[in-house]
Amino acid sequence: MKYDAPDPCSGASGRALPEGEALHYCPAPPFFAQPYEGKSCALPMVGWCENGRFTAGIERFYIPEEHAPALDQAVRNHQGALVVSFQGKGQAVVQDLRIEGQSWRTWLGGKK
């Protein structure tokens, strides 16, 4: 999944983060990623580094198979965005897939 923020696991920060260790990532300024130490962040997201990429357990979103081609194409054309909520101490949960600002169900209804 591509976040609109620097990937904390890519090594671009100049330091390697340990694979598989839980960390809190602040995907908005002040960008940081490290094991949770109570730093201030409006939206801390808990996740881990896996194969050099940040993973938060929201990398897959399932939709009915009959709608997959249209939605896949829209996402590949950068028209899609996920609506995510945070529970507890930063566990991310996908609420919806939006295409061109609309829920995917509404967007598909307008295509008929």
PDB file of N, CA and C in Angstrom:
ATOM      1  N   MET A   1       0.839  -1.167   0.000  1.00  0.00           N
ATOM      2  CA  MET A   1       0.000   0.000   0.000  1.00  0.00           C
ATOM      3  C   MET A   1       0.887   1.235   0.000  1.00  0.00           C
ATOM      4  N   LYS A   2       0.507   2.238  -0.743  1.00  0.00           N
ATOM      5  CA  LYS A   2       1.265   3.484  -0.794  1.00  0.00           C
ATOM      6  C   LYS A   2       0.598   4.503   0.120  1.00  0.00           C
ATOM      7  N   TYR A   3       1.362   4.989   1.085  1.00  0.00           N
ATOM      8  CA  TYR A   3       0.880   6.047   1.966  1.00  0.00           C
ATOM      9  C   TYR A   3       1.400   7.368   1.427  1.00  0.00           C
ATOM     10  N   ASP A   4       0.660   8.441   1.651  1.00  0.00           N
ATOM     11  CA  ASP A   4       1.121   9.758   1.205  1.00  0.00           C
ATOM     12  C   ASP A   4       2.093  10.329   2.220  1.00  0.00           C
ATOM     13  N   ALA A   5       3.129   9.559   2.518  1.00  0.00           N
ATOM     14  CA  ALA A   5       4.140   9.936   3.503  1.00  0.00           C
ATOM     15  C   ALA A   5       5.368   9.082   3.244  1.00  0.00           C
ATOM     16  N   PRO A   6       6.515   9.491   3.739  1.00  0.00           N
ATOM     17  CA  PRO A   6       7.720   8.664   3.555  1.00  0.00           C
ATOM     18  C   PRO A   6       7.546   7.292   4.216  1.00  0.00           C
ATOM     19  N   ASP A   7       8.009   6.254   3.539  1.00  0.00           N
ATOM     20  CA  ASP A   7       7.933   4.905   4.102  1.00  0.00           C
ATOM     21  C   ASP A   7       9.024   4.765   5.146  1.00  0.00           C
ATOM     22  N   PRO A   8       8.659   4.496   6.402  1.00  0.00           N
ATOM     23  CA  PRO A   8       9.660   4.426   7.467  1.00  0.00           C
ATOM     24  C   PRO A   8      10.578   3.220   7.376  1.00  0.00           C
ATOM     25  N   CYS A   9      10.236   2.255   6.552  1.00  0.00           N
ATOM     26  CA  CYS A   9      11.020   1.026   6.481  1.00  0.00           C
ATOM     27  C   CYS A   9      11.955   0.987   5.282  1.00  0.00           C
ATOM     28  N   SER A  10      11.917   1.992   4.438  1.00  0.00           N
ATOM     29  CA  SER A  10      12.688   1.970   3.197  1.00  0.00           C
ATOM     30  C   SER A  10      14.170   2.233   3.406  1.00  0.00           C
ATOM     31  N   GLY A  11      14.553   2.718   4.585  1.00  0.00           N
ATOM     32  CA  GLY A  11      15.949   3.034   4.845  1.00  0.00           C
ATOM     33  C   GLY A  11      16.317   4.440   4.411  1.00  0.00           C
ATOM     34  N   ALA A  12      15.355   5.183   3.854  1.00  0.00           N
ATOM     35  CA  ALA A  12      15.624   6.544   3.396  1.00  0.00           C
ATOM     36  C   ALA A  12      15.987   7.472   4.549  1.00  0.00           C
ATOM     37  N   SER A  13      15.564   7.115   5.754  1.00  0.00           N
ATOM     38  CA  SER A  13      15.858   7.962   6.909  1.00  0.00           C
ATOM     39  C   SER A  13      17.302   7.802   7.378  1.00  0.00           C
ATOM     40  N   GLY A  14      17.998   6.832   6.784  1.00  0.00           N
ATOM     41  CA  GLY A  14      19.393   6.627   7.149  1.00  0.00           C
ATOM     42  C   GLY A  14      19.596   5.611   8.254  1.00  0.00           C
ATOM     43  N   ARG A  15      18.521   5.064   8.775  1.00  0.00           N
ATOM     44  CA  ARG A  15      18.657   4.027   9.796  1.00  0.00           C
ATOM     45  C   ARG A  15      17.709   2.884   9.485  1.00  0.00           C
ATOM     46  N   ALA A  16      18.142   1.709   9.769  1.00  0.00           N
ATOM     47  CA  ALA A  16      17.332   0.524   9.506  1.00  0.00           C
ATOM     48  C   ALA A  16      16.404   0.267  10.685  1.00  0.00           C
ATOM     49  N   LEU A  17      15.156   0.020  10.401  1.00  0.00           N
ATOM     50  CA  LEU A  17      14.203  -0.349  11.442  1.00  0.00           C
ATOM     51  C   LEU A  17      14.089  -1.867  11.450  1.00  0.00           C
ATOM     52  N   PRO A  18      13.969  -2.473  12.618  1.00  0.00           N
ATOM     53  CA  PRO A  18      13.937  -3.934  12.689  1.00  0.00           C
ATOM     54  C   PRO A  18      12.696  -4.535  12.043  1.00  0.00           C
ATOM     55  N   GLU A  19      12.885  -5.613  11.311  1.00  0.00           N
ATOM     56  CA  GLU A  19      11.778  -6.329  10.669  1.00  0.00           C
ATOM     57  C   GLU A  19      10.891  -6.977  11.724  1.00  0.00           C
ATOM     58  N   GLY A  20       9.594  -6.859  11.539  1.00  0.00           N
ATOM     59  CA  GLY A  20       8.628  -7.555  12.368  1.00  0.00           C
ATOM     60  C   GLY A  20       8.363  -6.952  13.735  1.00  0.00           C
ATOM     61  N   GLU A  21       9.142  -5.993  14.170  1.00  0.00           N
ATOM     62  CA  GLU A  21       8.934  -5.384  15.479  1.00  0.00           C
ATOM     63  C   GLU A  21       7.846  -4.321  15.381  1.00  0.00           C
ATOM     64  N   ALA A  22       6.882  -4.364  16.307  1.00  0.00           N
ATOM     65  CA  ALA A  22       5.799  -3.376  16.294  1.00  0.00           C
ATOM     66  C   ALA A  22       6.366  -1.979  16.464  1.00  0.00           C
ATOM     67  N   LEU A  23       5.859  -1.062  15.661  1.00  0.00           N
ATOM     68  CA  LEU A  23       6.274   0.326  15.787  1.00  0.00           C
ATOM     69  C   LEU A  23       5.073   1.217  15.522  1.00  0.00           C
ATOM     70  N   HIS A  24       5.146   2.426  16.023  1.00  0.00           N
ATOM     71  CA  HIS A  24       4.117   3.411  15.733  1.00  0.00           C
ATOM     72  C   HIS A  24       4.665   4.345  14.675  1.00  0.00           C
ATOM     73  N   TYR A  25       3.858   4.580  13.679  1.00  0.00           N
ATOM     74  CA  TYR A  25       4.253   5.416  12.554  1.00  0.00           C
ATOM     75  C   TYR A  25       3.337   6.630  12.532  1.00  0.00           C
ATOM     76  N   CYS A  26       3.908   7.779  12.419  1.00  0.00           N
ATOM     77  CA  CYS A  26       3.131   9.007  12.299  1.00  0.00           C
ATOM     78  C   CYS A  26       3.120   9.383  10.821  1.00  0.00           C
ATOM     79  N   PRO A  27       2.008   9.133  10.101  1.00  0.00           N
ATOM     80  CA  PRO A  27       1.969   9.393   8.673  1.00  0.00           C
ATOM     81  C   PRO A  27       1.715  10.856   8.305  1.00  0.00           C
ATOM     82  N   ALA A  28       1.818  11.736   9.282  1.00  0.00           N
ATOM     83  CA  ALA A  28       1.682  13.180   9.055  1.00  0.00           C
ATOM     84  C   ALA A  28       2.788  13.870   9.849  1.00  0.00           C
ATOM     85  N   PRO A  29       3.132  15.088   9.488  1.00  0.00           N
ATOM     86  CA  PRO A  29       4.204  15.762  10.238  1.00  0.00           C
ATOM     87  C   PRO A  29       3.915  15.759  11.737  1.00  0.00           C
ATOM     88  N   PRO A  30       4.860  15.491  12.580  1.00  0.00           N
ATOM     89  CA  PRO A  30       6.273  15.235  12.302  1.00  0.00           C
ATOM     90  C   PRO A  30       6.502  13.760  12.011  1.00  0.00           C
ATOM     91  N   PHE A  31       6.726  13.381  10.755  1.00  0.00           N
ATOM     92  CA  PHE A  31       6.896  11.983  10.376  1.00  0.00           C
ATOM     93  C   PHE A  31       7.908  11.316  11.300  1.00  0.00           C
ATOM     94  N   PHE A  32       7.557  10.179  11.853  1.00  0.00           N
ATOM     95  CA  PHE A  32       8.517   9.389  12.608  1.00  0.00           C
ATOM     96  C   PHE A  32       8.032   7.961  12.681  1.00  0.00           C
ATOM     97  N   ALA A  33       8.937   7.081  12.893  1.00  0.00           N
ATOM     98  CA  ALA A  33       8.614   5.675  13.077  1.00  0.00           C
ATOM     99  C   ALA A  33       9.651   5.088  13.995  1.00  0.00           C
ATOM    100  N   GLN A  34       9.195   4.489  15.043  1.00  0.00           N
ATOM    101  CA  GLN A  34      10.076   3.832  15.995  1.00  0.00           C
ATOM    102  C   GLN A  34       9.196   3.049  16.945  1.00  0.00           C
ATOM    103  N   PRO A  35       9.757   2.181  17.732  1.00  0.00           N
ATOM    104  CA  PRO A  35       8.927   1.526  18.743  1.00  0.00           C
ATOM    105  C   PRO A  35       8.223   2.590  19.580  1.00  0.00           C
ATOM    106  N   TYR A  36       6.985   2.330  19.928  1.00  0.00           N
ATOM    107  CA  TYR A  36       6.158   3.309  20.634  1.00  0.00           C
ATOM    108  C   TYR A  36       6.838   3.842  21.884  1.00  0.00           C
ATOM    109  N   GLU A  37       6.976   5.146  21.936  1.00  0.00           N
ATOM    110  CA  GLU A  37       7.555   5.808  23.103  1.00  0.00           C
ATOM    111  C   GLU A  37       6.692   6.967  23.550  1.00  0.00           C
ATOM    112  N   GLY A  38       5.442   7.015  23.115  1.00  0.00           N
ATOM    113  CA  GLY A  38       4.530   8.050  23.541  1.00  0.00           C
ATOM    114  C   GLY A  38       4.748   9.399  22.882  1.00  0.00           C
ATOM    115  N   LYS A  39       5.402   9.426  21.722  1.00  0.00           N
ATOM    116  CA  LYS A  39       5.586  10.696  21.022  1.00  0.00           C
ATOM    117  C   LYS A  39       4.236  11.243  20.594  1.00  0.00           C
ATOM    118  N   SER A  40       4.161  12.545  20.428  1.00  0.00           N
ATOM    119  CA  SER A  40       2.928  13.204  20.053  1.00  0.00           C
ATOM    120  C   SER A  40       2.669  13.067  18.561  1.00  0.00           C
ATOM    121  N   CYS A  41       1.508  12.541  18.225  1.00  0.00           N
ATOM    122  CA  CYS A  41       1.100  12.392  16.829  1.00  0.00           C
ATOM    123  C   CYS A  41      -0.416  12.331  16.814  1.00  0.00           C
ATOM    124  N   ALA A  42      -1.043  13.090  15.936  1.00  0.00           N
ATOM    125  CA  ALA A  42      -2.503  13.102  15.862  1.00  0.00           C
ATOM    126  C   ALA A  42      -3.064  11.752  15.395  1.00  0.00           C
ATOM    127  N   LEU A  43      -2.358  11.062  14.499  1.00  0.00           N
ATOM    128  CA  LEU A  43      -2.826   9.786  13.961  1.00  0.00           C
ATOM    129  C   LEU A  43      -1.733   8.727  13.983  1.00  0.00           C
ATOM    130  N   PRO A  44      -1.329   8.261  15.144  1.00  0.00           N
ATOM    131  CA  PRO A  44      -0.309   7.207  15.132  1.00  0.00           C
ATOM    132  C   PRO A  44      -0.914   5.897  14.636  1.00  0.00           C
ATOM    133  N   MET A  45      -0.193   5.225  13.757  1.00  0.00           N
ATOM    134  CA  MET A  45      -0.652   3.967  13.199  1.00  0.00           C
ATOM    135  C   MET A  45       0.330   2.870  13.601  1.00  0.00           C
ATOM    136  N   VAL A  46      -0.169   1.811  14.208  1.00  0.00           N
ATOM    137  CA  VAL A  46       0.716   0.724  14.601  1.00  0.00           C
ATOM    138  C   VAL A  46       0.909  -0.199  13.404  1.00  0.00           C
ATOM    139  N   GLY A  47       2.131  -0.657  13.233  1.00  0.00           N
ATOM    140  CA  GLY A  47       2.451  -1.556  12.139  1.00  0.00           C
ATOM    141  C   GLY A  47       3.815  -2.163  12.361  1.00  0.00           C
ATOM    142  N   TRP A  48       4.435  -2.632  11.299  1.00  0.00           N
ATOM    143  CA  TRP A  48       5.740  -3.271  11.379  1.00  0.00           C
ATOM    144  C   TRP A  48       6.401  -3.193  10.009  1.00  0.00           C
ATOM    145  N   CYS A  49       7.695  -3.410   9.988  1.00  0.00           N
ATOM    146  CA  CYS A  49       8.428  -3.460   8.717  1.00  0.00           C
ATOM    147  C   CYS A  49       8.448  -4.897   8.232  1.00  0.00           C
ATOM    148  N   GLU A  50       8.108  -5.067   6.971  1.00  0.00           N
ATOM    149  CA  GLU A  50       8.085  -6.397   6.365  1.00  0.00           C
ATOM    150  C   GLU A  50       8.698  -6.278   4.980  1.00  0.00           C
ATOM    151  N   ASN A  51       9.829  -6.918   4.771  1.00  0.00           N
ATOM    152  CA  ASN A  51      10.542  -6.862   3.495  1.00  0.00           C
ATOM    153  C   ASN A  51      10.848  -5.420   3.076  1.00  0.00           C
ATOM    154  N   GLY A  52      11.199  -4.589   4.057  1.00  0.00           N
ATOM    155  CA  GLY A  52      11.588  -3.213   3.770  1.00  0.00           C
ATOM    156  C   GLY A  52      10.445  -2.255   3.514  1.00  0.00           C
ATOM    157  N   ARG A  53       9.201  -2.671   3.793  1.00  0.00           N
ATOM    158  CA  ARG A  53       8.035  -1.809   3.593  1.00  0.00           C
ATOM    159  C   ARG A  53       7.190  -1.795   4.849  1.00  0.00           C
ATOM    160  N   PHE A  54       6.570  -0.650   5.130  1.00  0.00           N
ATOM    161  CA  PHE A  54       5.684  -0.526   6.285  1.00  0.00           C
ATOM    162  C   PHE A  54       4.384  -1.275   6.011  1.00  0.00           C
ATOM    163  N   THR A  55       3.945  -2.068   6.967  1.00  0.00           N
ATOM    164  CA  THR A  55       2.727  -2.857   6.869  1.00  0.00           C
ATOM    165  C   THR A  55       1.874  -2.588   8.096  1.00  0.00           C
ATOM    166  N   ALA A  56       0.582  -2.367   7.895  1.00  0.00           N
ATOM    167  CA  ALA A  56      -0.308  -2.065   9.011  1.00  0.00           C
ATOM    168  C   ALA A  56      -1.516  -3.000   9.064  1.00  0.00           C
ATOM    169  N   GLY A  57      -1.517  -4.052   8.242  1.00  0.00           N
ATOM    170  CA  GLY A  57      -2.637  -4.983   8.247  1.00  0.00           C
ATOM    171  C   GLY A  57      -3.835  -4.514   7.436  1.00  0.00           C
ATOM    172  N   ILE A  58      -3.662  -3.464   6.644  1.00  0.00           N
ATOM    173  CA  ILE A  58      -4.762  -2.949   5.817  1.00  0.00           C
ATOM    174  C   ILE A  58      -4.389  -2.965   4.337  1.00  0.00           C
ATOM    175  N   GLU A  59      -3.443  -3.798   3.994  1.00  0.00           N
ATOM    176  CA  GLU A  59      -2.935  -3.815   2.622  1.00  0.00           C
ATOM    177  C   GLU A  59      -3.851  -4.531   1.634  1.00  0.00           C
ATOM    178  N   ARG A  60      -4.846  -5.225   2.135  1.00  0.00           N
ATOM    179  CA  ARG A  60      -5.784  -5.922   1.250  1.00  0.00           C
ATOM    180  C   ARG A  60      -7.200  -5.465   1.560  1.00  0.00           C
ATOM    181  N   PHE A  61      -7.958  -5.258   0.513  1.00  0.00           N
ATOM    182  CA  PHE A  61      -9.360  -4.868   0.637  1.00  0.00           C
ATOM    183  C   PHE A  61     -10.137  -5.721  -0.346  1.00  0.00           C
ATOM    184  N   TYR A  62     -11.081  -6.477   0.155  1.00  0.00           N
ATOM    185  CA  TYR A  62     -11.808  -7.417  -0.697  1.00  0.00           C
ATOM    186  C   TYR A  62     -13.139  -6.827  -1.135  1.00  0.00           C
ATOM    187  N   ILE A  63     -13.441  -7.034  -2.403  1.00  0.00           N
ATOM    188  CA  ILE A  63     -14.698  -6.585  -2.991  1.00  0.00           C
ATOM    189  C   ILE A  63     -15.294  -7.759  -3.759  1.00  0.00           C
ATOM    190  N   PRO A  64     -16.601  -7.705  -4.084  1.00  0.00           N
ATOM    191  CA  PRO A  64     -17.187  -8.793  -4.849  1.00  0.00           C
ATOM    192  C   PRO A  64     -16.465  -8.966  -6.188  1.00  0.00           C
ATOM    193  N   GLU A  65     -16.239 -10.217  -6.543  1.00  0.00           N
ATOM    194  CA  GLU A  65     -15.452 -10.548  -7.738  1.00  0.00           C
ATOM    195  C   GLU A  65     -15.992  -9.917  -9.019  1.00  0.00           C
ATOM    196  N   GLU A  66     -17.313  -9.804  -9.134  1.00  0.00           N
ATOM    197  CA  GLU A  66     -17.877  -9.257 -10.369  1.00  0.00           C
ATOM    198  C   GLU A  66     -17.546  -7.766 -10.564  1.00  0.00           C
ATOM    199  N   HIS A  67     -17.132  -7.088  -9.496  1.00  0.00           N
ATOM    200  CA  HIS A  67     -16.777  -5.663  -9.593  1.00  0.00           C
ATOM    201  C   HIS A  67     -15.265  -5.440  -9.645  1.00  0.00           C
ATOM    202  N   ALA A  68     -14.509  -6.508  -9.528  1.00  0.00           N
ATOM    203  CA  ALA A  68     -13.050  -6.387  -9.436  1.00  0.00           C
ATOM    204  C   ALA A  68     -12.413  -5.678 -10.637  1.00  0.00           C
ATOM    205  N   PRO A  69     -12.756  -6.004 -11.882  1.00  0.00           N
ATOM    206  CA  PRO A  69     -12.068  -5.345 -13.003  1.00  0.00           C
ATOM    207  C   PRO A  69     -12.212  -3.817 -12.999  1.00  0.00           C
ATOM    208  N   ALA A  70     -13.425  -3.320 -12.798  1.00  0.00           N
ATOM    209  CA  ALA A  70     -13.651  -1.869 -12.824  1.00  0.00           C
ATOM    210  C   ALA A  70     -12.945  -1.176 -11.665  1.00  0.00           C
ATOM    211  N   LEU A  71     -13.045  -1.748 -10.473  1.00  0.00           N
ATOM    212  CA  LEU A  71     -12.421  -1.129  -9.306  1.00  0.00           C
ATOM    213  C   LEU A  71     -10.906  -1.231  -9.373  1.00  0.00           C
ATOM    214  N   ASP A  72     -10.399  -2.347  -9.829  1.00  0.00           N
ATOM    215  CA  ASP A  72      -8.952  -2.497  -9.973  1.00  0.00           C
ATOM    216  C   ASP A  72      -8.395  -1.457 -10.935  1.00  0.00           C
ATOM    217  N   GLN A  73      -9.077  -1.248 -12.038  1.00  0.00           N
ATOM    218  CA  GLN A  73      -8.620  -0.258 -13.019  1.00  0.00           C
ATOM    219  C   GLN A  73      -8.649   1.149 -12.427  1.00  0.00           C
ATOM    220  N   ALA A  74      -9.689   1.483 -11.687  1.00  0.00           N
ATOM    221  CA  ALA A  74      -9.790   2.812 -11.071  1.00  0.00           C
ATOM    222  C   ALA A  74      -8.668   3.035 -10.062  1.00  0.00           C
ATOM    223  N   VAL A  75      -8.365   2.018  -9.273  1.00  0.00           N
ATOM    224  CA  VAL A  75      -7.288   2.138  -8.289  1.00  0.00           C
ATOM    225  C   VAL A  75      -5.947   2.282  -9.003  1.00  0.00           C
ATOM    226  N   ARG A  76      -5.719   1.496 -10.031  1.00  0.00           N
ATOM    227  CA  ARG A  76      -4.459   1.596 -10.786  1.00  0.00           C
ATOM    228  C   ARG A  76      -4.311   2.958 -11.476  1.00  0.00           C
ATOM    229  N   ASN A  77      -5.433   3.615 -11.772  1.00  0.00           N
ATOM    230  CA  ASN A  77      -5.410   4.953 -12.373  1.00  0.00           C
ATOM    231  C   ASN A  77      -5.346   6.048 -11.306  1.00  0.00           C
ATOM    232  N   HIS A  78      -5.040   5.674 -10.080  1.00  0.00           N
ATOM    233  CA  HIS A  78      -4.884   6.606  -8.959  1.00  0.00           C
ATOM    234  C   HIS A  78      -6.160   7.380  -8.644  1.00  0.00           C
ATOM    235  N   GLN A  79      -7.314   6.751  -8.846  1.00  0.00           N
ATOM    236  CA  GLN A  79      -8.585   7.375  -8.532  1.00  0.00           C
ATOM    237  C   GLN A  79      -9.109   6.912  -7.180  1.00  0.00           C
ATOM    238  N   GLY A  80      -8.450   5.935  -6.554  1.00  0.00           N
ATOM    239  CA  GLY A  80      -8.958   5.337  -5.327  1.00  0.00           C
ATOM    240  C   GLY A  80      -8.240   5.808  -4.079  1.00  0.00           C
ATOM    241  N   ALA A  81      -8.958   5.734  -2.968  1.00  0.00           N
ATOM    242  CA  ALA A  81      -8.391   6.045  -1.654  1.00  0.00           C
ATOM    243  C   ALA A  81      -9.144   5.226  -0.615  1.00  0.00           C
ATOM    244  N   LEU A  82      -8.441   4.797   0.402  1.00  0.00           N
ATOM    245  CA  LEU A  82      -9.086   4.074   1.491  1.00  0.00           C
ATOM    246  C   LEU A  82      -9.488   5.025   2.601  1.00  0.00           C
ATOM    247  N   VAL A  83     -10.629   4.749   3.202  1.00  0.00           N
ATOM    248  CA  VAL A  83     -11.049   5.446   4.410  1.00  0.00           C
ATOM    249  C   VAL A  83     -10.689   4.509   5.555  1.00  0.00           C
ATOM    250  N   VAL A  84      -9.846   4.998   6.450  1.00  0.00           N
ATOM    251  CA  VAL A  84      -9.316   4.170   7.533  1.00  0.00           C
ATOM    252  C   VAL A  84      -9.679   4.796   8.870  1.00  0.00           C
ATOM    253  N   SER A  85     -10.057   3.961   9.822  1.00  0.00           N
ATOM    254  CA  SER A  85     -10.257   4.445  11.186  1.00  0.00           C
ATOM    255  C   SER A  85      -9.219   3.776  12.069  1.00  0.00           C
ATOM    256  N   PHE A  86      -9.001   4.351  13.219  1.00  0.00           N
ATOM    257  CA  PHE A  86      -8.000   3.829  14.142  1.00  0.00           C
ATOM    258  C   PHE A  86      -8.678   3.419  15.436  1.00  0.00           C
ATOM    259  N   GLN A  87      -8.315   2.242  15.912  1.00  0.00           N
ATOM    260  CA  GLN A  87      -8.878   1.715  17.148  1.00  0.00           C
ATOM    261  C   GLN A  87      -7.789   1.585  18.196  1.00  0.00           C
ATOM    262  N   GLY A  88      -8.194   1.640  19.432  1.00  0.00           N
ATOM    263  CA  GLY A  88      -7.261   1.398  20.527  1.00  0.00           C
ATOM    264  C   GLY A  88      -6.006   2.228  20.427  1.00  0.00           C
ATOM    265  N   LYS A  89      -4.882   1.560  20.329  1.00  0.00           N
ATOM    266  CA  LYS A  89      -3.581   2.231  20.299  1.00  0.00           C
ATOM    267  C   LYS A  89      -3.002   2.324  18.898  1.00  0.00           C
ATOM    268  N   GLY A  90      -3.864   2.583  17.929  1.00  0.00           N
ATOM    269  CA  GLY A  90      -3.382   2.823  16.581  1.00  0.00           C
ATOM    270  C   GLY A  90      -3.598   1.714  15.587  1.00  0.00           C
ATOM    271  N   GLN A  91      -4.392   0.696  15.920  1.00  0.00           N
ATOM    272  CA  GLN A  91      -4.672  -0.360  14.952  1.00  0.00           C
ATOM    273  C   GLN A  91      -5.586   0.199  13.873  1.00  0.00           C
ATOM    274  N   ALA A  92      -5.144   0.130  12.621  1.00  0.00           N
ATOM    275  CA  ALA A  92      -5.902   0.656  11.492  1.00  0.00           C
ATOM    276  C   ALA A  92      -6.923  -0.362  11.011  1.00  0.00           C
ATOM    277  N   VAL A  93      -8.104   0.128  10.640  1.00  0.00           N
ATOM    278  CA  VAL A  93      -9.182  -0.704  10.119  1.00  0.00           C
ATOM    279  C   VAL A  93      -9.753   0.003   8.891  1.00  0.00           C
ATOM    280  N   VAL A  94      -9.852  -0.709   7.780  1.00  0.00           N
ATOM    281  CA  VAL A  94     -10.413  -0.131   6.556  1.00  0.00           C
ATOM    282  C   VAL A  94     -11.922  -0.012   6.711  1.00  0.00           C
ATOM    283  N   GLN A  95     -12.436   1.191   6.450  1.00  0.00           N
ATOM    284  CA  GLN A  95     -13.879   1.440   6.513  1.00  0.00           C
ATOM    285  C   GLN A  95     -14.525   1.406   5.137  1.00  0.00           C
ATOM    286  N   ASP A  96     -13.807   1.908   4.125  1.00  0.00           N
ATOM    287  CA  ASP A  96     -14.398   1.994   2.793  1.00  0.00           C
ATOM    288  C   ASP A  96     -13.303   2.218   1.755  1.00  0.00           C
ATOM    289  N   LEU A  97     -13.609   1.883   0.537  1.00  0.00           N
ATOM    290  CA  LEU A  97     -12.792   2.232  -0.624  1.00  0.00           C
ATOM    291  C   LEU A  97     -13.564   3.312  -1.358  1.00  0.00           C
ATOM    292  N   ARG A  98     -12.909   4.420  -1.613  1.00  0.00           N
ATOM    293  CA  ARG A  98     -13.549   5.520  -2.343  1.00  0.00           C
ATOM    294  C   ARG A  98     -12.888   5.656  -3.709  1.00  0.00           C
ATOM    295  N   ILE A  99     -13.731   5.842  -4.705  1.00  0.00           N
ATOM    296  CA  ILE A  99     -13.275   6.077  -6.073  1.00  0.00           C
ATOM    297  C   ILE A  99     -13.805   7.455  -6.470  1.00  0.00           C
ATOM    298  N   GLU A 100     -12.893   8.322  -6.857  1.00  0.00           N
ATOM    299  CA  GLU A 100     -13.253   9.694  -7.219  1.00  0.00           C
ATOM    300  C   GLU A 100     -14.096  10.348  -6.129  1.00  0.00           C
ATOM    301  N   GLY A 101     -13.772  10.065  -4.867  1.00  0.00           N
ATOM    302  CA  GLY A 101     -14.437  10.686  -3.730  1.00  0.00           C
ATOM    303  C   GLY A 101     -15.736  10.040  -3.292  1.00  0.00           C
ATOM    304  N   GLN A 102     -16.188   9.010  -3.986  1.00  0.00           N
ATOM    305  CA  GLN A 102     -17.442   8.335  -3.651  1.00  0.00           C
ATOM    306  C   GLN A 102     -17.170   6.929  -3.156  1.00  0.00           C
ATOM    307  N   SER A 103     -18.047   6.425  -2.300  1.00  0.00           N
ATOM    308  CA  SER A 103     -17.950   5.022  -1.904  1.00  0.00           C
ATOM    309  C   SER A 103     -17.969   4.175  -3.171  1.00  0.00           C
ATOM    310  N   TRP A 104     -17.210   3.091  -3.174  1.00  0.00           N
ATOM    311  CA  TRP A 104     -17.123   2.266  -4.387  1.00  0.00           C
ATOM    312  C   TRP A 104     -18.498   1.789  -4.843  1.00  0.00           C
ATOM    313  N   ARG A 105     -19.417   1.528  -3.912  1.00  0.00           N
ATOM    314  CA  ARG A 105     -20.760   1.074  -4.290  1.00  0.00           C
ATOM    315  C   ARG A 105     -21.507   2.174  -5.049  1.00  0.00           C
ATOM    316  N   THR A 106     -21.427   3.415  -4.566  1.00  0.00           N
ATOM    317  CA  THR A 106     -22.049   4.546  -5.230  1.00  0.00           C
ATOM    318  C   THR A 106     -21.403   4.793  -6.589  1.00  0.00           C
ATOM    319  N   TRP A 107     -20.095   4.733  -6.629  1.00  0.00           N
ATOM    320  CA  TRP A 107     -19.358   4.956  -7.878  1.00  0.00           C
ATOM    321  C   TRP A 107     -19.781   3.940  -8.932  1.00  0.00           C
ATOM    322  N   LEU A 108     -19.873   2.672  -8.534  1.00  0.00           N
ATOM    323  CA  LEU A 108     -20.301   1.642  -9.488  1.00  0.00           C
ATOM    324  C   LEU A 108     -21.722   1.868  -9.953  1.00  0.00           C
ATOM    325  N   GLY A 109     -22.616   2.322  -9.052  1.00  0.00           N
ATOM    326  CA  GLY A 109     -24.001   2.599  -9.415  1.00  0.00           C
ATOM    327  C   GLY A 109     -24.107   3.675 -10.477  1.00  0.00           C
ATOM    328  N   GLY A 110     -23.213   4.637 -10.473  1.00  0.00           N
ATOM    329  CA  GLY A 110     -23.213   5.701 -11.465  1.00  0.00           C
ATOM    330  C   GLY A 110     -22.671   5.253 -12.809  1.00  0.00           C
ATOM    331  N   LYS A 111     -22.026   4.091 -12.849  1.00  0.00           N
ATOM    332  CA  LYS A 111     -21.448   3.572 -14.095  1.00  0.00           C
ATOM    333  C   LYS A 111     -22.460   2.794 -14.921  1.00  0.00           C
ATOM    334  N   LYS A 112     -23.614   2.463 -14.348  1.00  0.00           N
ATOM    335  CA  LYS A 112     -24.607   1.627 -15.057  1.00  0.00           C
ATOM    336  C   LYS A 112     -25.390   2.432 -16.064  1.00  0.00           C
TER     337      LYS A 112
END
